N, C-alpha and C. Protein backbone atom coordinates (compact mmCIF):
# COMPACT_ATOMS: atom_id res chain seq x y z
N MET A 1 103.89 123.58 82.44
CA MET A 1 103.87 123.06 83.78
C MET A 1 105.28 122.56 84.13
N LYS A 2 105.77 123.01 85.25
CA LYS A 2 107.10 122.59 85.69
C LYS A 2 106.98 121.38 86.60
N GLN A 3 107.89 120.44 86.41
CA GLN A 3 107.93 119.26 87.25
C GLN A 3 109.32 119.10 87.82
N PHE A 4 109.39 118.85 89.11
CA PHE A 4 110.66 118.67 89.77
C PHE A 4 110.73 117.28 90.38
N LEU A 5 111.72 116.54 89.99
CA LEU A 5 111.96 115.22 90.56
C LEU A 5 113.33 115.26 91.22
N CYS A 6 113.34 115.22 92.51
CA CYS A 6 114.60 115.33 93.24
C CYS A 6 115.22 113.96 93.47
N GLY A 7 116.50 113.86 93.22
CA GLY A 7 117.21 112.64 93.51
C GLY A 7 116.95 111.51 92.53
N LEU A 8 116.39 111.80 91.39
CA LEU A 8 116.10 110.76 90.41
C LEU A 8 116.75 111.11 89.08
N SER A 9 117.30 110.11 88.45
CA SER A 9 117.78 110.32 87.09
C SER A 9 116.77 109.63 86.17
N VAL A 10 115.92 110.45 85.58
CA VAL A 10 114.79 109.95 84.80
C VAL A 10 114.78 110.65 83.45
N THR A 11 114.43 109.89 82.44
CA THR A 11 114.27 110.51 81.13
C THR A 11 112.98 111.34 81.14
N PRO A 12 112.95 112.42 80.38
CA PRO A 12 111.78 113.30 80.39
C PRO A 12 110.46 112.62 80.03
N ASP A 13 110.50 111.56 79.23
CA ASP A 13 109.25 110.91 78.85
C ASP A 13 108.65 110.09 80.00
N LYS A 14 109.45 109.72 80.99
CA LYS A 14 108.94 108.94 82.12
C LYS A 14 108.56 109.82 83.31
N ALA A 15 108.94 111.07 83.30
CA ALA A 15 108.69 111.97 84.43
C ALA A 15 107.20 112.11 84.76
N PRO A 16 106.30 112.33 83.80
CA PRO A 16 104.88 112.46 84.15
C PRO A 16 104.32 111.20 84.82
N HIS A 17 104.76 110.04 84.38
CA HIS A 17 104.29 108.80 84.97
C HIS A 17 104.74 108.69 86.43
N ILE A 18 105.97 109.07 86.71
CA ILE A 18 106.49 109.00 88.08
C ILE A 18 105.76 109.98 88.98
N VAL A 19 105.48 111.16 88.49
CA VAL A 19 104.74 112.16 89.28
C VAL A 19 103.34 111.66 89.57
N LYS A 20 102.69 111.04 88.59
CA LYS A 20 101.34 110.50 88.78
C LYS A 20 101.35 109.40 89.85
N GLU A 21 102.33 108.51 89.79
CA GLU A 21 102.45 107.45 90.80
C GLU A 21 102.69 108.04 92.18
N TYR A 22 103.52 109.07 92.25
CA TYR A 22 103.81 109.69 93.54
C TYR A 22 102.56 110.32 94.13
N LYS A 23 101.78 111.00 93.31
CA LYS A 23 100.56 111.64 93.80
C LYS A 23 99.50 110.61 94.19
N GLY A 24 99.51 109.44 93.57
CA GLY A 24 98.56 108.38 93.92
C GLY A 24 98.92 107.66 95.20
N GLN A 25 100.10 107.91 95.71
CA GLN A 25 100.57 107.28 96.92
C GLN A 25 99.71 107.63 98.13
N SER A 26 99.14 108.81 98.14
CA SER A 26 98.36 109.25 99.30
C SER A 26 97.12 108.39 99.51
N SER A 27 96.50 107.90 98.43
CA SER A 27 95.32 107.07 98.60
C SER A 27 95.67 105.74 99.25
N VAL A 28 96.83 105.21 98.93
CA VAL A 28 97.27 103.96 99.55
C VAL A 28 97.56 104.19 101.03
N GLU A 29 98.24 105.28 101.34
CA GLU A 29 98.56 105.59 102.73
C GLU A 29 97.30 105.84 103.54
N THR A 30 96.29 106.43 102.95
CA THR A 30 95.03 106.66 103.64
C THR A 30 94.36 105.34 103.98
N SER A 31 94.43 104.37 103.08
CA SER A 31 93.84 103.06 103.35
C SER A 31 94.52 102.38 104.53
N PHE A 32 95.84 102.44 104.58
CA PHE A 32 96.55 101.80 105.67
C PHE A 32 96.40 102.57 106.98
N LYS A 33 96.03 103.84 106.88
CA LYS A 33 95.81 104.64 108.07
C LYS A 33 94.65 104.07 108.88
N ILE A 34 93.67 103.49 108.19
CA ILE A 34 92.54 102.86 108.87
C ILE A 34 93.03 101.71 109.75
N LEU A 35 93.97 100.92 109.23
CA LEU A 35 94.47 99.78 109.99
C LEU A 35 95.35 100.19 111.16
N ASN A 36 95.95 101.35 111.09
CA ASN A 36 96.85 101.80 112.16
C ASN A 36 96.12 102.51 113.28
N ASN A 37 94.83 102.68 113.16
CA ASN A 37 94.04 103.36 114.18
C ASN A 37 94.02 102.51 115.45
N PRO A 38 94.43 103.05 116.59
CA PRO A 38 94.44 102.27 117.84
C PRO A 38 93.07 101.76 118.24
N MET A 39 92.02 102.47 117.91
CA MET A 39 90.68 102.03 118.24
C MET A 39 90.30 100.77 117.45
N PHE A 40 90.89 100.61 116.28
CA PHE A 40 90.60 99.45 115.44
C PHE A 40 91.44 98.25 115.84
N VAL A 41 92.71 98.48 116.09
CA VAL A 41 93.65 97.39 116.36
C VAL A 41 93.75 97.10 117.85
N GLY A 42 93.53 98.08 118.70
CA GLY A 42 93.73 97.93 120.14
C GLY A 42 92.99 96.77 120.78
N PRO A 43 91.70 96.59 120.54
CA PRO A 43 90.97 95.56 121.27
C PRO A 43 91.19 94.13 120.75
N ILE A 44 92.07 93.92 119.80
CA ILE A 44 92.29 92.59 119.24
C ILE A 44 93.41 91.91 120.04
N TYR A 45 93.08 90.76 120.62
CA TYR A 45 94.06 90.02 121.43
C TYR A 45 94.28 88.65 120.79
N LEU A 46 95.45 88.45 120.25
CA LEU A 46 95.81 87.17 119.66
C LEU A 46 97.13 86.72 120.28
N LYS A 47 97.17 85.48 120.74
CA LYS A 47 98.37 84.99 121.43
C LYS A 47 99.36 84.35 120.48
N LYS A 48 98.88 83.66 119.47
CA LYS A 48 99.78 82.95 118.56
C LYS A 48 100.17 83.84 117.39
N SER A 49 101.44 83.81 117.06
CA SER A 49 101.93 84.68 115.97
C SER A 49 101.31 84.27 114.63
N GLY A 50 100.98 83.01 114.45
CA GLY A 50 100.33 82.57 113.22
C GLY A 50 98.97 83.20 113.03
N ARG A 51 98.26 83.39 114.14
CA ARG A 51 96.94 84.03 114.06
C ARG A 51 97.06 85.52 113.76
N VAL A 52 98.08 86.15 114.31
CA VAL A 52 98.33 87.57 114.01
C VAL A 52 98.63 87.73 112.52
N GLU A 53 99.46 86.84 112.00
CA GLU A 53 99.80 86.89 110.58
C GLU A 53 98.57 86.64 109.71
N ALA A 54 97.74 85.69 110.10
CA ALA A 54 96.52 85.40 109.34
C ALA A 54 95.57 86.60 109.36
N LEU A 55 95.45 87.23 110.52
CA LEU A 55 94.59 88.41 110.60
C LEU A 55 95.11 89.53 109.71
N ALA A 56 96.43 89.70 109.67
CA ALA A 56 97.02 90.74 108.81
C ALA A 56 96.69 90.45 107.35
N TYR A 57 96.79 89.19 106.93
CA TYR A 57 96.44 88.85 105.55
C TYR A 57 94.97 89.12 105.26
N VAL A 58 94.11 88.76 106.18
CA VAL A 58 92.67 89.00 105.99
C VAL A 58 92.40 90.49 105.86
N LEU A 59 93.03 91.29 106.70
CA LEU A 59 92.81 92.74 106.64
C LEU A 59 93.34 93.33 105.33
N LEU A 60 94.48 92.84 104.86
CA LEU A 60 95.03 93.33 103.59
C LEU A 60 94.12 92.95 102.42
N ILE A 61 93.59 91.74 102.44
CA ILE A 61 92.65 91.33 101.39
C ILE A 61 91.38 92.17 101.44
N ALA A 62 90.91 92.47 102.66
CA ALA A 62 89.74 93.32 102.80
C ALA A 62 90.00 94.71 102.23
N LEU A 63 91.19 95.26 102.47
CA LEU A 63 91.55 96.57 101.90
C LEU A 63 91.61 96.50 100.38
N LEU A 64 92.13 95.42 99.85
CA LEU A 64 92.21 95.24 98.40
C LEU A 64 90.81 95.20 97.80
N ILE A 65 89.92 94.43 98.39
CA ILE A 65 88.54 94.34 97.89
C ILE A 65 87.85 95.69 98.00
N PHE A 66 88.07 96.39 99.11
CA PHE A 66 87.48 97.72 99.27
C PHE A 66 87.96 98.67 98.18
N GLY A 67 89.24 98.63 97.88
CA GLY A 67 89.79 99.49 96.82
C GLY A 67 89.22 99.16 95.46
N ILE A 68 89.06 97.87 95.17
CA ILE A 68 88.48 97.46 93.89
C ILE A 68 87.03 97.93 93.78
N LEU A 69 86.26 97.74 94.85
CA LEU A 69 84.87 98.18 94.84
C LEU A 69 84.76 99.70 94.70
N GLU A 70 85.64 100.41 95.40
CA GLU A 70 85.63 101.87 95.32
C GLU A 70 85.91 102.33 93.88
N ARG A 71 86.88 101.70 93.23
CA ARG A 71 87.21 102.05 91.85
C ARG A 71 86.04 101.76 90.92
N ARG A 72 85.39 100.61 91.09
CA ARG A 72 84.26 100.24 90.22
C ARG A 72 83.09 101.19 90.40
N VAL A 73 82.84 101.61 91.63
CA VAL A 73 81.75 102.57 91.88
C VAL A 73 82.06 103.90 91.23
N ARG A 74 83.31 104.36 91.36
CA ARG A 74 83.68 105.64 90.75
C ARG A 74 83.57 105.58 89.22
N GLU A 75 84.00 104.47 88.62
CA GLU A 75 83.88 104.33 87.17
C GLU A 75 82.42 104.30 86.74
N ALA A 76 81.58 103.62 87.50
CA ALA A 76 80.16 103.57 87.18
C ALA A 76 79.52 104.94 87.30
N MET A 77 79.89 105.68 88.33
CA MET A 77 79.35 107.03 88.50
C MET A 77 79.82 107.94 87.37
N LYS A 78 81.07 107.79 86.96
CA LYS A 78 81.60 108.60 85.86
C LYS A 78 80.86 108.27 84.57
N HIS A 79 80.65 106.99 84.32
CA HIS A 79 79.93 106.57 83.12
C HIS A 79 78.49 107.07 83.15
N GLU A 80 77.87 107.02 84.32
CA GLU A 80 76.48 107.49 84.45
C GLU A 80 76.37 108.99 84.21
N SER A 81 77.33 109.75 84.72
CA SER A 81 77.29 111.21 84.51
C SER A 81 77.54 111.55 83.05
N GLU A 82 78.38 110.76 82.36
CA GLU A 82 78.64 111.00 80.94
C GLU A 82 77.39 110.71 80.11
N THR A 83 76.65 109.67 80.45
CA THR A 83 75.43 109.34 79.70
C THR A 83 74.35 110.38 79.96
N GLN A 84 74.30 110.95 81.16
CA GLN A 84 73.32 111.99 81.45
C GLN A 84 73.64 113.27 80.68
N LYS A 85 74.94 113.57 80.49
CA LYS A 85 75.33 114.75 79.74
C LYS A 85 74.96 114.62 78.27
N GLU A 86 75.00 113.38 77.75
CA GLU A 86 74.68 113.16 76.34
C GLU A 86 73.20 113.34 76.06
N GLN A 87 72.35 113.14 77.05
CA GLN A 87 70.91 113.22 76.85
C GLN A 87 70.42 114.61 76.79
């Protein structure tokens, strides 16, 4: 398998890790895409900048919790499918 890393000076043993991180970037961008949707953010009217900042923190924490739950569900499903294969 050929791997190309442009513009990076990386030792060959770290290259697979960097490629894996790069490919995982899309899931993070997809999560933030939800927050950038005009239908989601458009109807929110906040006058004070402190409230806007607080809302941003709440939304980021909600995304973090959603990601953790999603990971736990996927791991549970993987474990369940492995136990079914063993039977």
